[in-house]
Amino acid sequence: MYANEIRELSLEEIEQKILEAHQELFNLRFQMTTRQLKDYNRIKVVKREIARLNTIAHEKKMQARRSES
């Protein structure tokens, strides 16, 4: 998911995507441990997606705080 697409989402939707990404990362790590994982690069991709989601969620929170003051 690209940053522009994420910025169009609401904060609640972004937080839901973060939870889903963490669940996917957990499943990937579990598959890796049981030697069922086929695409090891997917772990790296999901970690970056989580970081991107967290960054944009933080931006939105800071923007909301600025608009309140």
N, C-alpha and C. Protein backbone atom coordinates (compact mmCIF):
# COMPACT_ATOMS: atom_id res chain seq x y z
N MET A 1 0.84 -1.17 0.00
CA MET A 1 0.00 0.00 0.00
C MET A 1 0.90 1.24 0.00
N TYR A 2 0.60 2.16 -0.87
CA TYR A 2 1.40 3.37 -1.00
C TYR A 2 0.99 4.41 0.04
N ALA A 3 1.89 5.34 0.33
CA ALA A 3 1.65 6.36 1.34
C ALA A 3 0.45 7.23 0.98
N ASN A 4 0.29 7.54 -0.30
CA ASN A 4 -0.85 8.36 -0.72
C ASN A 4 -2.18 7.66 -0.42
N GLU A 5 -2.22 6.37 -0.64
CA GLU A 5 -3.43 5.60 -0.35
C GLU A 5 -3.71 5.58 1.15
N ILE A 6 -2.67 5.48 1.94
CA ILE A 6 -2.83 5.44 3.40
C ILE A 6 -3.33 6.78 3.90
N ARG A 7 -2.81 7.86 3.35
CA ARG A 7 -3.22 9.20 3.81
C ARG A 7 -4.69 9.48 3.55
N GLU A 8 -5.29 8.79 2.60
CA GLU A 8 -6.71 8.97 2.32
C GLU A 8 -7.60 8.27 3.34
N LEU A 9 -7.04 7.35 4.12
CA LEU A 9 -7.81 6.61 5.11
C LEU A 9 -7.98 7.43 6.38
N SER A 10 -9.01 7.09 7.15
CA SER A 10 -9.19 7.74 8.45
C SER A 10 -8.23 7.11 9.46
N LEU A 11 -8.09 7.76 10.59
CA LEU A 11 -7.18 7.27 11.62
C LEU A 11 -7.61 5.89 12.13
N GLU A 12 -8.90 5.68 12.27
CA GLU A 12 -9.41 4.38 12.73
C GLU A 12 -9.09 3.28 11.72
N GLU A 13 -9.23 3.59 10.44
CA GLU A 13 -8.91 2.61 9.40
C GLU A 13 -7.42 2.29 9.39
N ILE A 14 -6.59 3.30 9.60
CA ILE A 14 -5.14 3.08 9.65
C ILE A 14 -4.79 2.18 10.82
N GLU A 15 -5.39 2.44 11.98
CA GLU A 15 -5.12 1.62 13.15
C GLU A 15 -5.56 0.18 12.93
N GLN A 16 -6.67 -0.02 12.22
CA GLN A 16 -7.12 -1.37 11.89
C GLN A 16 -6.12 -2.06 10.96
N LYS A 17 -5.59 -1.32 9.99
CA LYS A 17 -4.59 -1.87 9.08
C LYS A 17 -3.31 -2.25 9.83
N ILE A 18 -2.95 -1.45 10.84
CA ILE A 18 -1.77 -1.76 11.65
C ILE A 18 -1.97 -3.08 12.38
N LEU A 19 -3.15 -3.27 12.96
CA LEU A 19 -3.44 -4.53 13.65
C LEU A 19 -3.38 -5.71 12.69
N GLU A 20 -3.94 -5.55 11.51
CA GLU A 20 -3.92 -6.62 10.51
C GLU A 20 -2.49 -6.94 10.08
N ALA A 21 -1.67 -5.91 9.91
CA ALA A 21 -0.28 -6.11 9.50
C ALA A 21 0.51 -6.83 10.59
N HIS A 22 0.26 -6.47 11.85
CA HIS A 22 0.94 -7.15 12.95
C HIS A 22 0.53 -8.63 13.00
N GLN A 23 -0.73 -8.90 12.75
CA GLN A 23 -1.20 -10.28 12.73
C GLN A 23 -0.53 -11.06 11.59
N GLU A 24 -0.43 -10.41 10.42
CA GLU A 24 0.24 -11.06 9.29
C GLU A 24 1.70 -11.33 9.60
N LEU A 25 2.37 -10.37 10.24
CA LEU A 25 3.78 -10.55 10.60
C LEU A 25 3.93 -11.71 11.58
N PHE A 26 3.03 -11.81 12.55
CA PHE A 26 3.06 -12.93 13.49
C PHE A 26 2.93 -14.25 12.75
N ASN A 27 1.97 -14.31 11.82
CA ASN A 27 1.76 -15.54 11.05
C ASN A 27 2.98 -15.89 10.19
N LEU A 28 3.60 -14.88 9.60
CA LEU A 28 4.79 -15.12 8.79
C LEU A 28 5.94 -15.66 9.64
N ARG A 29 6.10 -15.09 10.82
CA ARG A 29 7.17 -15.56 11.71
C ARG A 29 6.89 -16.99 12.18
N PHE A 30 5.63 -17.28 12.43
CA PHE A 30 5.27 -18.63 12.82
C PHE A 30 5.56 -19.62 11.69
N GLN A 31 5.21 -19.22 10.47
CA GLN A 31 5.50 -20.07 9.30
C GLN A 31 7.00 -20.26 9.12
N MET A 32 7.77 -19.22 9.38
CA MET A 32 9.21 -19.32 9.24
C MET A 32 9.77 -20.32 10.26
N THR A 33 9.25 -20.26 11.47
CA THR A 33 9.72 -21.16 12.52
C THR A 33 9.40 -22.61 12.19
N THR A 34 8.23 -22.83 11.59
CA THR A 34 7.84 -24.21 11.26
C THR A 34 8.30 -24.62 9.86
N ARG A 35 9.11 -23.76 9.25
CA ARG A 35 9.70 -24.01 7.93
C ARG A 35 8.65 -24.20 6.83
N GLN A 36 7.56 -23.44 6.94
CA GLN A 36 6.52 -23.48 5.92
C GLN A 36 6.52 -22.22 5.05
N LEU A 37 7.33 -21.25 5.42
CA LEU A 37 7.35 -19.98 4.71
C LEU A 37 8.05 -20.12 3.37
N LYS A 38 7.38 -19.66 2.32
CA LYS A 38 7.93 -19.74 0.97
C LYS A 38 8.63 -18.44 0.56
N ASP A 39 8.07 -17.30 0.97
CA ASP A 39 8.59 -16.00 0.54
C ASP A 39 9.12 -15.23 1.76
N TYR A 40 10.41 -15.35 2.02
CA TYR A 40 11.01 -14.70 3.18
C TYR A 40 11.03 -13.18 3.04
N ASN A 41 10.98 -12.69 1.82
CA ASN A 41 10.99 -11.25 1.58
C ASN A 41 9.71 -10.59 2.08
N ARG A 42 8.65 -11.36 2.22
CA ARG A 42 7.36 -10.81 2.67
C ARG A 42 7.47 -10.24 4.08
N ILE A 43 8.32 -10.83 4.91
CA ILE A 43 8.51 -10.31 6.28
C ILE A 43 9.02 -8.88 6.22
N LYS A 44 10.00 -8.64 5.39
CA LYS A 44 10.58 -7.30 5.23
C LYS A 44 9.53 -6.31 4.72
N VAL A 45 8.72 -6.75 3.77
CA VAL A 45 7.68 -5.89 3.20
C VAL A 45 6.65 -5.52 4.25
N VAL A 46 6.23 -6.48 5.05
CA VAL A 46 5.21 -6.23 6.08
C VAL A 46 5.77 -5.30 7.16
N LYS A 47 7.03 -5.48 7.54
CA LYS A 47 7.64 -4.59 8.53
C LYS A 47 7.65 -3.15 8.03
N ARG A 48 7.98 -2.97 6.77
CA ARG A 48 8.00 -1.61 6.20
C ARG A 48 6.59 -1.03 6.13
N GLU A 49 5.62 -1.88 5.83
CA GLU A 49 4.23 -1.42 5.78
C GLU A 49 3.78 -0.97 7.17
N ILE A 50 4.15 -1.71 8.20
CA ILE A 50 3.81 -1.32 9.56
C ILE A 50 4.45 0.02 9.90
N ALA A 51 5.70 0.19 9.55
CA ALA A 51 6.39 1.46 9.82
C ALA A 51 5.72 2.62 9.07
N ARG A 52 5.35 2.39 7.83
CA ARG A 52 4.68 3.42 7.04
C ARG A 52 3.33 3.78 7.65
N LEU A 53 2.57 2.78 8.06
CA LEU A 53 1.27 3.02 8.69
C LEU A 53 1.43 3.78 9.99
N ASN A 54 2.40 3.39 10.81
CA ASN A 54 2.63 4.09 12.08
C ASN A 54 3.04 5.54 11.86
N THR A 55 3.87 5.78 10.87
CA THR A 55 4.33 7.14 10.58
C THR A 55 3.17 8.04 10.18
N ILE A 56 2.33 7.55 9.29
CA ILE A 56 1.21 8.36 8.82
C ILE A 56 0.17 8.52 9.92
N ALA A 57 -0.03 7.51 10.76
CA ALA A 57 -0.95 7.63 11.89
C ALA A 57 -0.45 8.72 12.84
N HIS A 58 0.86 8.74 13.08
CA HIS A 58 1.44 9.77 13.94
C HIS A 58 1.26 11.16 13.32
N GLU A 59 1.46 11.27 12.01
CA GLU A 59 1.26 12.56 11.34
C GLU A 59 -0.16 13.04 11.52
N LYS A 60 -1.13 12.15 11.36
CA LYS A 60 -2.54 12.52 11.49
C LYS A 60 -2.86 12.95 12.92
N LYS A 61 -2.29 12.25 13.91
CA LYS A 61 -2.52 12.62 15.31
C LYS A 61 -1.95 14.00 15.61
N MET A 62 -0.75 14.26 15.10
CA MET A 62 -0.14 15.57 15.33
C MET A 62 -0.92 16.67 14.64
N GLN A 63 -1.43 16.40 13.45
CA GLN A 63 -2.22 17.37 12.72
C GLN A 63 -3.52 17.67 13.47
N ALA A 64 -4.12 16.65 14.06
CA ALA A 64 -5.35 16.84 14.82
C ALA A 64 -5.08 17.68 16.07
N ARG A 65 -3.95 17.46 16.71
CA ARG A 65 -3.60 18.25 17.90
C ARG A 65 -3.39 19.72 17.55
N ARG A 66 -2.74 19.95 16.39
CA ARG A 66 -2.51 21.33 15.97
C ARG A 66 -3.81 22.06 15.68
N SER A 67 -4.76 21.34 15.07
CA SER A 67 -6.03 21.97 14.70
C SER A 67 -6.90 22.25 15.93
N GLU A 68 -6.69 21.48 17.03
CA GLU A 68 -7.44 21.71 18.25
C GLU A 68 -7.00 22.98 18.96
N SER A 69 -5.70 23.31 18.88
CA SER A 69 -5.19 24.48 19.61
C SER A 69 -5.47 25.76 18.90
